C-alpha atoms as a PDB file:
ATOM      1  CA  MET A   1     222.242  73.320 -49.736  1.00  0.00           C
ATOM      2  CA  TYR A   2     222.594  76.279 -47.238  1.00  0.00           C
ATOM      3  CA  ASN A   3     223.752  77.018 -43.343  1.00  0.00           C
ATOM      4  CA  VAL A   4     221.234  76.948 -40.800  1.00  0.00           C
ATOM      5  CA  THR A   5     222.504  79.595 -38.719  1.00  0.00           C
ATOM      6  CA  MET A   6     221.143  81.382 -35.528  1.00  0.00           C
ATOM      7  CA  ASP A   7     219.584  84.029 -37.741  1.00  0.00           C
ATOM      8  CA  SER A   8     217.828  81.636 -39.726  1.00  0.00           C
ATOM      9  CA  VAL A   9     213.820  81.936 -39.576  1.00  0.00           C
ATOM     10  CA  ILE A  10     212.923  79.480 -42.304  1.00  0.00           C
ATOM     11  CA  ILE A  11     214.073  75.716 -43.023  1.00  0.00           C
ATOM     12  CA  LEU A  12     212.287  74.100 -45.843  1.00  0.00           C
ATOM     13  CA  GLY A  13     212.725  70.376 -46.488  1.00  0.00           C
ATOM     14  CA  HIS A  14     210.894  68.197 -48.889  1.00  0.00           C
ATOM     15  CA  THR A  15     211.156  64.579 -50.032  1.00  0.00           C
ATOM     16  CA  ARG A  16     210.211  64.622 -53.604  1.00  0.00           C
ATOM     17  CA  GLN A  17     208.419  61.754 -55.207  1.00  0.00           C
ATOM     18  CA  PRO A  18     209.523  62.530 -59.108  1.00  0.00           C
ATOM     19  CA  THR A  19     206.427  63.032 -61.215  1.00  0.00           C
ATOM     20  CA  LYS A  20     208.269  65.054 -63.902  1.00  0.00           C
ATOM     21  CA  MET A  21     211.762  64.669 -65.042  1.00  0.00           C
ATOM     22  CA  ILE A  22     214.586  62.742 -63.281  1.00  0.00           C
ATOM     23  CA  PRO A  23     215.944  63.413 -60.015  1.00  0.00           C
ATOM     24  CA  GLU A  24     219.568  62.458 -60.935  1.00  0.00           C
ATOM     25  CA  ASN A  25     219.733  66.060 -62.467  1.00  0.00           C
ATOM     26  CA  ASN A  26     219.861  67.991 -59.227  1.00  0.00           C
ATOM     27  CA  LYS A  27     218.522  71.258 -60.586  1.00  0.00           C
ATOM     28  CA  ASN A  28     215.286  69.184 -60.501  1.00  0.00           C
ATOM     29  CA  ASN A  29     215.308  68.626 -56.674  1.00  0.00           C
ATOM     30  CA  HIS A  30     214.262  70.504 -54.096  1.00  0.00           C
ATOM     31  CA  PRO A  31     214.256  73.187 -52.839  1.00  0.00           C
ATOM     32  CA  ILE A  32     214.008  74.961 -56.033  1.00  0.00           C
ATOM     33  CA  VAL A  33     215.952  78.301 -56.433  1.00  0.00           C
ATOM     34  CA  VAL A  34     214.833  80.721 -58.873  1.00  0.00           C
ATOM     35  CA  GLY A  35     216.482  84.268 -58.508  1.00  0.00           C
ATOM     36  CA  ASN A  36     215.954  85.024 -54.888  1.00  0.00           C
ATOM     37  CA  THR A  37     213.051  82.647 -54.520  1.00  0.00           C
ATOM     38  CA  VAL A  38     213.517  79.447 -52.441  1.00  0.00           C
ATOM     39  CA  GLY A  39     210.352  77.079 -52.670  1.00  0.00           C
ATOM     40  CA  ILE A  40     208.954  73.495 -52.347  1.00  0.00           C
ATOM     41  CA  HIS A  41     206.143  72.057 -54.191  1.00  0.00           C
ATOM     42  CA  ASN A  42     204.046  69.128 -53.834  1.00  0.00           C
ATOM     43  CA  GLY A  43     202.071  68.310 -56.816  1.00  0.00           C
ATOM     44  CA  THR A  44     202.231  68.608 -60.693  1.00  0.00           C
ATOM     45  CA  ILE A  45     201.934  71.696 -62.763  1.00  0.00           C
ATOM     46  CA  THR A  46     200.720  70.516 -66.475  1.00  0.00           C
ATOM     47  CA  ASN A  47     201.256  73.750 -67.982  1.00  0.00           C
ATOM     48  CA  ASP A  48     204.955  74.489 -67.143  1.00  0.00           C
ATOM     49  CA  GLY A  49     206.282  74.782 -70.645  1.00  0.00           C
ATOM     50  CA  GLU A  50     203.247  77.165 -71.910  1.00  0.00           C
ATOM     51  CA  ILE A  51     204.651  79.533 -68.760  1.00  0.00           C
ATOM     52  CA  PHE A  52     208.150  79.381 -69.575  1.00  0.00           C
ATOM     53  CA  LEU A  53     207.332  80.274 -73.299  1.00  0.00           C
ATOM     54  CA  SER A  54     205.656  83.222 -72.214  1.00  0.00           C
ATOM     55  CA  LEU A  55     208.440  84.212 -69.778  1.00  0.00           C
ATOM     56  CA  ASP A  56     210.940  83.672 -72.548  1.00  0.00           C
ATOM     57  CA  ARG A  57     209.024  86.129 -74.983  1.00  0.00           C
ATOM     58  CA  ARG A  58     209.679  88.888 -72.550  1.00  0.00           C
ATOM     59  CA  GLU A  59     212.571  90.862 -73.812  1.00  0.00           C
ATOM     60  CA  GLU A  60     213.545  92.075 -70.234  1.00  0.00           C
ATOM     61  CA  ARG A  61     213.929  88.607 -68.858  1.00  0.00           C
ATOM     62  CA  SER A  62     217.165  87.411 -69.048  1.00  0.00           C
ATOM     63  CA  ARG A  63     217.283  84.489 -66.522  1.00  0.00           C
ATOM     64  CA  LYS A  64     216.501  80.982 -68.462  1.00  0.00           C
ATOM     65  CA  ARG A  65     215.148  77.865 -67.102  1.00  0.00           C
ATOM     66  CA  ILE A  66     217.757  76.066 -64.936  1.00  0.00           C
ATOM     67  CA  GLY A  67     215.999  72.603 -64.461  1.00  0.00           C
ATOM     68  CA  SER A  68     213.562  70.615 -66.230  1.00  0.00           C
ATOM     69  CA  VAL A  69     211.136  69.861 -63.451  1.00  0.00           C
ATOM     70  CA  ASP A  70     207.423  71.729 -63.554  1.00  0.00           C
ATOM     71  CA  SER A  71     207.773  73.211 -59.921  1.00  0.00           C
ATOM     72  CA  GLU A  72     210.439  75.633 -61.085  1.00  0.00           C
ATOM     73  CA  ALA A  73     207.253  77.490 -63.247  1.00  0.00           C
ATOM     74  CA  ILE A  74     205.822  78.186 -59.929  1.00  0.00           C
ATOM     75  CA  PHE A  75     208.760  79.911 -58.492  1.00  0.00           C
ATOM     76  CA  SER A  76     209.737  81.576 -61.648  1.00  0.00           C
ATOM     77  CA  LEU A  77     206.576  83.446 -61.612  1.00  0.00           C
ATOM     78  CA  ILE A  78     206.558  84.134 -57.647  1.00  0.00           C
ATOM     79  CA  ASP A  79     210.373  85.598 -58.129  1.00  0.00           C
ATOM     80  CA  GLU A  80     208.869  88.398 -60.277  1.00  0.00           C
ATOM     81  CA  VAL A  81     206.752  89.589 -57.243  1.00  0.00           C
ATOM     82  CA  ALA A  82     208.779  92.323 -55.039  1.00  0.00           C
ATOM     83  CA  PRO A  83     208.565  90.736 -51.958  1.00  0.00           C
ATOM     84  CA  ASP A  84     209.168  93.756 -49.695  1.00  0.00           C
ATOM     85  CA  GLN A  85     206.081  95.970 -51.155  1.00  0.00           C
ATOM     86  CA  PRO A  86     203.033  96.289 -48.572  1.00  0.00           C
ATOM     87  CA  LEU A  87     201.276  93.179 -47.918  1.00  0.00           C
ATOM     88  CA  LYS A  88     197.906  93.991 -49.680  1.00  0.00           C
ATOM     89  CA  GLU A  89     199.851  94.718 -52.958  1.00  0.00           C
ATOM     90  CA  TYR A  90     202.221  91.581 -52.368  1.00  0.00           C
ATOM     91  CA  THR A  91     198.952  89.578 -52.073  1.00  0.00           C
ATOM     92  CA  LEU A  92     197.429  90.810 -55.130  1.00  0.00           C
ATOM     93  CA  GLU A  93     200.524  90.218 -57.193  1.00  0.00           C
ATOM     94  CA  VAL A  94     200.910  86.639 -55.968  1.00  0.00           C
ATOM     95  CA  LYS A  95     197.325  86.050 -56.704  1.00  0.00           C
ATOM     96  CA  GLU A  96     197.329  87.159 -60.198  1.00  0.00           C
ATOM     97  CA  LYS A  97     200.635  84.894 -60.764  1.00  0.00           C
ATOM     98  CA  ALA A  98     198.833  81.882 -59.076  1.00  0.00           C
ATOM     99  CA  THR A  99     195.939  82.215 -61.623  1.00  0.00           C
ATOM    100  CA  LEU A 100     198.439  81.373 -64.607  1.00  0.00           C
ATOM    101  CA  LEU A 101     199.042  77.632 -62.952  1.00  0.00           C
ATOM    102  CA  VAL A 102     197.067  74.882 -64.214  1.00  0.00           C
ATOM    103  CA  GLY A 103     197.484  71.431 -62.141  1.00  0.00           C
ATOM    104  CA  SER A 104     197.537  70.514 -58.450  1.00  0.00           C
ATOM    105  CA  TYR A 105     199.911  71.938 -55.938  1.00  0.00           C
ATOM    106  CA  THR A 106     200.824  73.084 -52.364  1.00  0.00           C
ATOM    107  CA  THR A 107     203.824  75.274 -52.322  1.00  0.00           C
ATOM    108  CA  LEU A 108     205.935  76.894 -49.450  1.00  0.00           C
ATOM    109  CA  SER A 109     208.469  79.613 -50.508  1.00  0.00           C
ATOM    110  CA  PHE A 110     210.168  82.700 -49.507  1.00  0.00           C
ATOM    111  CA  ASN A 111     212.392  85.296 -50.857  1.00  0.00           C
ATOM    112  CA  ARG A 112     216.322  85.494 -49.697  1.00  0.00           C
ATOM    113  CA  ASN A 113     215.888  89.248 -49.345  1.00  0.00           C
ATOM    114  CA  PHE A 114     212.988  89.168 -47.198  1.00  0.00           C
ATOM    115  CA  PRO A 115     212.652  85.886 -45.616  1.00  0.00           C
ATOM    116  CA  GLN A 116     210.521  86.778 -42.723  1.00  0.00           C
ATOM    117  CA  ARG A 117     207.387  86.386 -44.870  1.00  0.00           C
ATOM    118  CA  LEU A 118     206.369  82.822 -46.026  1.00  0.00           C
ATOM    119  CA  LEU A 119     204.104  82.170 -48.700  1.00  0.00           C
ATOM    120  CA  LEU A 120     202.048  79.025 -48.870  1.00  0.00           C
ATOM    121  CA  LEU A 121     199.939  78.177 -51.900  1.00  0.00           C
ATOM    122  CA  LYS A 122     197.148  75.128 -51.560  1.00  0.00           C
ATOM    123  CA  TYR A 123     195.495  74.113 -54.725  1.00  0.00           C
ATOM    124  CA  ASP A 124     194.329  70.457 -54.120  1.00  0.00           C
ATOM    125  CA  LYS A 125     197.152  69.054 -52.270  1.00  0.00           C
ATOM    126  CA  PRO A 126     197.154  68.467 -48.520  1.00  0.00           C
ATOM    127  CA  ILE A 127     199.145  70.418 -45.753  1.00  0.00           C
ATOM    128  CA  SER A 128     198.691  70.773 -42.183  1.00  0.00           C
ATOM    129  CA  VAL A 129     200.266  73.447 -39.765  1.00  0.00           C
ATOM    130  CA  HIS A 130     201.049  73.266 -36.030  1.00  0.00           C
ATOM    131  CA  TYR A 131     202.230  76.123 -33.840  1.00  0.00           C
ATOM    132  CA  SER A 132     204.705  74.798 -31.021  1.00  0.00           C
ATOM    133  CA  PRO A 133     204.815  77.416 -28.053  1.00  0.00           C
ATOM    134  CA  ASP A 134     207.759  75.736 -26.458  1.00  0.00           C
ATOM    135  CA  LEU A 135     209.720  76.020 -29.849  1.00  0.00           C
ATOM    136  CA  THR A 136     207.938  79.288 -31.114  1.00  0.00           C
ATOM    137  CA  SER A 137     207.830  78.043 -34.391  1.00  0.00           C
ATOM    138  CA  LEU A 138     205.413  76.818 -37.078  1.00  0.00           C
ATOM    139  CA  PHE A 139     205.562  73.352 -38.318  1.00  0.00           C
ATOM    140  CA  PHE A 140     204.105  72.002 -41.959  1.00  0.00           C
ATOM    141  CA  SER A 141     203.534  68.808 -42.823  1.00  0.00           C
ATOM    142  CA  SER A 142     201.667  67.186 -46.177  1.00  0.00           C
ATOM    143  CA  ARG A 143     200.783  64.240 -43.806  1.00  0.00           C
ATOM    144  CA  TYR A 144     198.950  65.363 -40.584  1.00  0.00           C
ATOM    145  CA  VAL A 145     200.006  62.131 -38.868  1.00  0.00           C
ATOM    146  CA  PHE A 146     203.722  63.384 -38.838  1.00  0.00           C
ATOM    147  CA  LEU A 147     202.625  66.425 -36.828  1.00  0.00           C
ATOM    148  CA  ARG A 148     200.663  64.252 -34.393  1.00  0.00           C
ATOM    149  CA  LYS A 149     203.441  61.649 -33.977  1.00  0.00           C
ATOM    150  CA  SER A 150     205.868  64.662 -33.261  1.00  0.00           C
ATOM    151  CA  PHE A 151     203.888  66.678 -30.950  1.00  0.00           C
ATOM    152  CA  GLY A 152     201.482  64.131 -29.283  1.00  0.00           C
ATOM    153  CA  LYS A 153     198.077  62.553 -29.714  1.00  0.00           C
ATOM    154  CA  SER A 154     196.151  65.509 -28.212  1.00  0.00           C
ATOM    155  CA  LEU A 155     196.756  67.147 -31.815  1.00  0.00           C
ATOM    156  CA  ILE A 156     193.197  67.474 -33.468  1.00  0.00           C
ATOM    157  CA  THR A 157     193.303  68.109 -37.115  1.00  0.00           C
ATOM    158  CA  GLU A 158     195.088  71.205 -38.120  1.00  0.00           C
ATOM    159  CA  ALA A 159     194.754  70.844 -41.960  1.00  0.00           C
ATOM    160  CA  LEU A 160     194.596  74.434 -43.896  1.00  0.00           C
ATOM    161  CA  GLN A 161     191.889  74.805 -46.445  1.00  0.00           C
ATOM    162  CA  SER A 162     192.413  74.161 -50.313  1.00  0.00           C
ATOM    163  CA  LYS A 163     192.106  76.468 -53.035  1.00  0.00           C
ATOM    164  CA  LYS A 164     193.754  79.138 -50.863  1.00  0.00           C
ATOM    165  CA  GLY A 165     196.675  80.978 -50.274  1.00  0.00           C
ATOM    166  CA  TYR A 166     198.387  82.003 -47.242  1.00  0.00           C
ATOM    167  CA  ILE A 167     201.331  84.286 -45.741  1.00  0.00           C
ATOM    168  CA  PHE A 168     202.723  83.934 -42.603  1.00  0.00           C
ATOM    169  CA  ASP A 169     205.407  86.389 -40.990  1.00  0.00           C
ATOM    170  CA  VAL A 170     207.784  85.750 -38.489  1.00  0.00           C
ATOM    171  CA  ASN A 171     207.480  89.046 -36.992  1.00  0.00           C
ATOM    172  CA  PHE A 172     203.818  88.394 -35.830  1.00  0.00           C
ATOM    173  CA  LEU A 173     204.498  84.780 -34.936  1.00  0.00           C
ATOM    174  CA  LEU A 174     204.127  85.269 -31.140  1.00  0.00           C
ATOM    175  CA  ASP A 175     200.788  87.407 -31.663  1.00  0.00           C
ATOM    176  CA  LEU A 176     199.262  85.297 -34.354  1.00  0.00           C
ATOM    177  CA  LYS A 177     200.851  81.784 -33.926  1.00  0.00           C
ATOM    178  CA  LYS A 178     199.487  79.335 -36.982  1.00  0.00           C
ATOM    179  CA  THR A 179     196.897  82.309 -38.013  1.00  0.00           C
ATOM    180  CA  PRO A 180     198.656  83.922 -41.468  1.00  0.00           C
ATOM    181  CA  VAL A 181     198.712  87.859 -41.555  1.00  0.00           C
ATOM    182  CA  ALA A 182     196.753  87.337 -45.195  1.00  0.00           C
ATOM    183  CA  GLN A 183     194.622  84.620 -46.610  1.00  0.00           C
ATOM    184  CA  PHE A 184     193.134  84.711 -50.126  1.00  0.00           C
ATOM    185  CA  ASP A 185     191.161  82.778 -52.846  1.00  0.00           C
ATOM    186  CA  LEU A 186     193.175  81.129 -55.405  1.00  0.00           C
ATOM    187  CA  GLU A 187     190.011  81.011 -57.712  1.00  0.00           C
ATOM    188  CA  GLU A 188     188.800  84.572 -57.184  1.00  0.00           C
ATOM    189  CA  LEU A 189     190.641  87.824 -57.187  1.00  0.00           C
ATOM    190  CA  LYS A 190     189.139  88.091 -53.493  1.00  0.00           C
ATOM    191  CA  VAL A 191     190.986  88.727 -50.476  1.00  0.00           C
ATOM    192  CA  VAL A 192     189.654  87.074 -47.152  1.00  0.00           C
ATOM    193  CA  HIS A 193     191.609  89.139 -44.776  1.00  0.00           C
ATOM    194  CA  TRP A 194     194.704  91.298 -44.055  1.00  0.00           C
ATOM    195  CA  TYR A 195     196.268  91.501 -40.581  1.00  0.00           C
ATOM    196  CA  THR A 196     196.987  94.630 -39.486  1.00  0.00           C
ATOM    197  CA  ASP A 197     198.977  95.435 -36.118  1.00  0.00           C
ATOM    198  CA  ASN A 198     197.331  98.378 -34.390  1.00  0.00           C
ATOM    199  CA  SER A 199     199.636  98.658 -31.450  1.00  0.00           C
END
């Protein structure tokens, strides 16, 4: 879909097991692109129809649904959040959008205008993360075994907690490794922590 260049900071890939709508319509396949938001989703959103009805009622909304898969509802909501605002404000807005989702999901997404920030939402679907110092990169997988096969048997489980949101920032990768710059509850409007660079 997009070319990988020396300037690329995020590469998203996803093998989709269709749970809603046919994969023959490529607009239902991942990554899903809504506006400037690019995302992948593992799980099923059961109220995507209601979300789109609500979005379509807004007079200022000019962008219509492009596919028919439930995942698009997630990234339509996330695309409404300005990506370049301060981390605290961004986090609170993302949390408000996530409260509208009904179902199970793990998502990874970023905004093409602010690609250094990766948003991960985890609600009852597995995902693990591994930081490779040799490659100075983070790797995510819904199956921990794939990380172990790729990086060695010495890996202990690196699963992320469920019902939480995480924000990773490439600008802090060397300092934080696999620690997010922000982590928050998806069930309560309560932020666990924000990373601040005091240097």
